[in-house]
C-alpha atoms as a PDB file:
ATOM      1  CA  MET A   1      92.816  67.041  71.147  1.00  0.00           C
ATOM      2  CA  SER A   2      94.680  64.268  72.159  1.00  0.00           C
ATOM      3  CA  ASP A   3      93.669  61.214  71.225  1.00  0.00           C
ATOM      4  CA  THR A   4      94.692  58.486  73.500  1.00  0.00           C
ATOM      5  CA  LYS A   5      93.125  55.257  72.654  1.00  0.00           C
ATOM      6  CA  GLU A   6      94.296  52.032  73.949  1.00  0.00           C
ATOM      7  CA  PRO A   7      95.926  49.557  71.556  1.00  0.00           C
ATOM      8  CA  VAL A   8      94.251  46.963  69.968  1.00  0.00           C
ATOM      9  CA  SER A   9      96.625  44.071  71.654  1.00  0.00           C
ATOM     10  CA  ALA A  10      95.954  45.729  75.535  1.00  0.00           C
ATOM     11  CA  PRO A  11      92.467  44.113  76.440  1.00  0.00           C
ATOM     12  CA  LEU A  12      94.264  40.414  75.161  1.00  0.00           C
ATOM     13  CA  ARG A  13      96.889  41.422  77.399  1.00  0.00           C
ATOM     14  CA  ARG A  14      94.729  41.922  80.169  1.00  0.00           C
ATOM     15  CA  LEU A  15      92.841  38.745  79.343  1.00  0.00           C
ATOM     16  CA  GLY A  16      96.076  36.575  79.090  1.00  0.00           C
ATOM     17  CA  THR A  17      97.533  37.838  82.436  1.00  0.00           C
ATOM     18  CA  SER A  18      94.194  37.159  83.848  1.00  0.00           C
ATOM     19  CA  LEU A  19      94.062  33.520  82.981  1.00  0.00           C
ATOM     20  CA  LEU A  20      97.723  32.863  83.826  1.00  0.00           C
ATOM     21  CA  THR A  21      97.288  34.387  87.503  1.00  0.00           C
ATOM     22  CA  LEU A  22      93.646  32.025  87.337  1.00  0.00           C
ATOM     23  CA  GLY A  23      96.174  29.213  86.613  1.00  0.00           C
ATOM     24  CA  ARG A  24      98.780  30.158  88.982  1.00  0.00           C
ATOM     25  CA  ILE A  25      96.187  29.963  91.803  1.00  0.00           C
ATOM     26  CA  ARG A  26      94.326  27.294  90.647  1.00  0.00           C
ATOM     27  CA  LEU A  27      97.920  24.985  90.291  1.00  0.00           C
ATOM     28  CA  GLU A  28      99.034  26.368  94.151  1.00  0.00           C
ATOM     29  CA  LEU A  29      95.356  25.053  95.013  1.00  0.00           C
ATOM     30  CA  LEU A  30      96.446  21.466  93.382  1.00  0.00           C
ATOM     31  CA  ALA A  31     100.254  21.626  95.259  1.00  0.00           C
ATOM     32  CA  ILE A  32      98.444  22.935  98.338  1.00  0.00           C
ATOM     33  CA  GLU A  33      95.972  19.598  98.362  1.00  0.00           C
ATOM     34  CA  ALA A  34      98.668  17.115  97.225  1.00  0.00           C
ATOM     35  CA  GLN A  35     100.632  18.217 100.407  1.00  0.00           C
ATOM     36  CA  GLU A  36      97.526  17.797 102.895  1.00  0.00           C
ATOM     37  CA  GLU A  37      96.640  14.373 101.282  1.00  0.00           C
ATOM     38  CA  LYS A  38      99.859  13.210 101.631  1.00  0.00           C
ATOM     39  CA  GLU A  39     100.697  13.961 104.826  1.00  0.00           C
ATOM     40  CA  ARG A  40      97.038  12.397 105.718  1.00  0.00           C
ATOM     41  CA  ILE A  41      98.054   9.199 104.047  1.00  0.00           C
ATOM     42  CA  ALA A  42     101.194   8.790 106.146  1.00  0.00           C
ATOM     43  CA  SER A  43      99.572   9.884 109.410  1.00  0.00           C
ATOM     44  CA  LEU A  44      96.972   7.318 108.821  1.00  0.00           C
ATOM     45  CA  LEU A  45      99.105   4.674 107.341  1.00  0.00           C
ATOM     46  CA  LEU A  46     101.174   4.973 110.785  1.00  0.00           C
ATOM     47  CA  TRP A  47      98.317   4.992 112.827  1.00  0.00           C
ATOM     48  CA  ALA A  48      97.069   1.707 111.239  1.00  0.00           C
ATOM     49  CA  VAL A  49     100.035   0.341 111.625  1.00  0.00           C
ATOM     50  CA  LEU A  50     100.720   0.568 115.181  1.00  0.00           C
ATOM     51  CA  ALA A  51      97.082  -0.107 116.076  1.00  0.00           C
ATOM     52  CA  ALA A  52      97.096  -3.655 113.971  1.00  0.00           C
ATOM     53  CA  LEU A  53     100.589  -4.360 115.643  1.00  0.00           C
ATOM     54  CA  LEU A  54      99.299  -3.874 119.103  1.00  0.00           C
ATOM     55  CA  ALA A  55      95.810  -5.419 118.140  1.00  0.00           C
ATOM     56  CA  GLY A  56      97.514  -8.463 117.082  1.00  0.00           C
ATOM     57  CA  PHE A  57      99.788  -8.340 120.337  1.00  0.00           C
ATOM     58  CA  GLY A  58      97.320  -7.842 122.442  1.00  0.00           C
ATOM     59  CA  LEU A  59      94.559 -10.952 120.888  1.00  0.00           C
ATOM     60  CA  LEU A  60      97.858 -13.190 120.638  1.00  0.00           C
ATOM     61  CA  MET A  61      98.326 -12.514 124.542  1.00  0.00           C
ATOM     62  CA  VAL A  62      94.543 -13.367 125.170  1.00  0.00           C
ATOM     63  CA  LEU A  63      95.077 -16.816 123.254  1.00  0.00           C
ATOM     64  CA  VAL A  64      98.373 -17.559 125.066  1.00  0.00           C
ATOM     65  CA  LEU A  65      96.267 -16.889 128.435  1.00  0.00           C
ATOM     66  CA  VAL A  66      93.090 -18.998 127.446  1.00  0.00           C
ATOM     67  CA  THR A  67      95.268 -21.667 126.007  1.00  0.00           C
ATOM     68  CA  VAL A  68      97.601 -21.630 129.579  1.00  0.00           C
ATOM     69  CA  ALA A  69      94.127 -21.907 131.519  1.00  0.00           C
ATOM     70  CA  LEU A  70      92.944 -24.682 129.841  1.00  0.00           C
ATOM     71  CA  TRP A  71      96.387 -26.520 129.298  1.00  0.00           C
ATOM     72  CA  ASP A  72      95.651 -29.166 131.729  1.00  0.00           C
ATOM     73  CA  SER A  73      92.286 -30.527 129.718  1.00  0.00           C
ATOM     74  CA  TYR A  74      91.589 -28.339 126.399  1.00  0.00           C
ATOM     75  CA  ARG A  75      95.218 -27.251 125.104  1.00  0.00           C
ATOM     76  CA  LEU A  76      94.110 -28.748 121.531  1.00  0.00           C
ATOM     77  CA  LEU A  77      90.973 -27.100 121.416  1.00  0.00           C
ATOM     78  CA  ALA A  78      92.321 -23.358 122.924  1.00  0.00           C
ATOM     79  CA  LEU A  79      95.019 -23.725 120.282  1.00  0.00           C
ATOM     80  CA  GLY A  80      92.870 -24.211 117.613  1.00  0.00           C
ATOM     81  CA  GLY A  81      90.204 -21.771 118.683  1.00  0.00           C
ATOM     82  CA  GLY A  82      92.819 -19.362 118.873  1.00  0.00           C
ATOM     83  CA  THR A  83      94.233 -20.110 115.164  1.00  0.00           C
ATOM     84  CA  VAL A  84      90.732 -19.857 114.059  1.00  0.00           C
ATOM     85  CA  VAL A  85      89.892 -16.321 115.514  1.00  0.00           C
ATOM     86  CA  LEU A  86      93.165 -15.177 114.338  1.00  0.00           C
ATOM     87  CA  VAL A  87      92.467 -16.532 110.532  1.00  0.00           C
ATOM     88  CA  ALA A  88      88.886 -15.068 110.764  1.00  0.00           C
ATOM     89  CA  ALA A  89      90.327 -11.386 111.978  1.00  0.00           C
ATOM     90  CA  ALA A  90      92.885 -12.244 108.855  1.00  0.00           C
ATOM     91  CA  ILE A  91      90.571 -12.638 106.412  1.00  0.00           C
ATOM     92  CA  VAL A  92      87.908  -9.568 107.514  1.00  0.00           C
ATOM     93  CA  ALA A  93      91.226  -7.191 107.331  1.00  0.00           C
ATOM     94  CA  VAL A  94      91.889  -8.516 103.641  1.00  0.00           C
ATOM     95  CA  LEU A  95      88.100  -8.001 102.683  1.00  0.00           C
ATOM     96  CA  LYS A  96      88.464  -4.560 104.563  1.00  0.00           C
ATOM     97  CA  VAL A  97      91.384  -3.475 102.200  1.00  0.00           C
ATOM     98  CA  LYS A  98      89.782  -4.770  99.096  1.00  0.00           C
ATOM     99  CA  ALA A  99      86.858  -2.164 100.157  1.00  0.00           C
ATOM    100  CA  LEU A 100      89.106   0.635 100.452  1.00  0.00           C
ATOM    101  CA  ILE A 101      90.892  -0.294  97.148  1.00  0.00           C
ATOM    102  CA  ALA A 102      87.952  -0.196  95.364  1.00  0.00           C
ATOM    103  CA  GLN A 103      86.519   3.238  96.294  1.00  0.00           C
ATOM    104  CA  PRO A 104      87.535   5.938  94.183  1.00  0.00           C
ATOM    105  CA  ALA A 105      90.064   8.713  95.042  1.00  0.00           C
ATOM    106  CA  THR A 106      89.150  11.895  96.359  1.00  0.00           C
ATOM    107  CA  LEU A 107      92.492  13.925  95.573  1.00  0.00           C
ATOM    108  CA  PHE A 108      91.929  17.504  93.876  1.00  0.00           C
ATOM    109  CA  GLN A 109      87.852  17.427  94.373  1.00  0.00           C
ATOM    110  CA  SER A 110      88.248  21.116  95.630  1.00  0.00           C
ATOM    111  CA  SER A 111      90.289  21.805  92.527  1.00  0.00           C
ATOM    112  CA  ILE A 112      88.134  20.154  90.018  1.00  0.00           C
ATOM    113  CA  ALA A 113      85.238  21.897  91.442  1.00  0.00           C
ATOM    114  CA  GLU A 114      86.994  25.349  91.423  1.00  0.00           C
ATOM    115  CA  LEU A 115      87.647  24.908  88.202  1.00  0.00           C
ATOM    116  CA  ARG A 116      83.979  23.846  86.914  1.00  0.00           C
ATOM    117  CA  ASP A 117      82.895  27.021  89.040  1.00  0.00           C
ATOM    118  CA  ASP A 118      85.353  29.335  86.982  1.00  0.00           C
ATOM    119  CA  ALA A 119      84.084  27.201  83.813  1.00  0.00           C
ATOM    120  CA  ASP A 120      80.520  28.052  84.368  1.00  0.00           C
ATOM    121  CA  ALA A 121      81.277  31.880  85.096  1.00  0.00           C
ATOM    122  CA  LEU A 122      83.231  32.393  81.941  1.00  0.00           C
ATOM    123  CA  ARG A 123      80.284  30.361  80.170  1.00  0.00           C
ATOM    124  CA  ARG A 124      77.575  32.679  81.802  1.00  0.00           C
ATOM    125  CA  ARG A 125      79.757  35.714  80.557  1.00  0.00           C
ATOM    126  CA  ALA A 126      80.236  34.798  77.266  1.00  0.00           C
ATOM    127  CA  GLY A 127      76.452  33.852  77.169  1.00  0.00           C
ATOM    128  CA  PRO A 128      73.572  36.654  75.795  1.00  0.00           C
END
């Protein structure tokens, strides 16, 4: 009779291979998420800067129009009001930036969730 017993190291090798494969897959997921986040942030910054510039130019043109319309009678009031509006808008923007900075980052949430699921699955298999 031929005795074809599997060596003791074979299951360990398979386990190591499985762990390496699982780790590689998780690292690939991390890399994909990082690339997606980088592209999202670049797009967000581009559009935010463009929107801010256009809104600023639009507001400035409205203030110039109001100042020219009121030039003969209330030019200082029009210029003062325009200054107040621009400073108030700047304060709101600074407060919004501070609020956005204070928010927690969401980078790699999918990867972290997958790693937690993997750990839970391994705990369930190791349990009684």
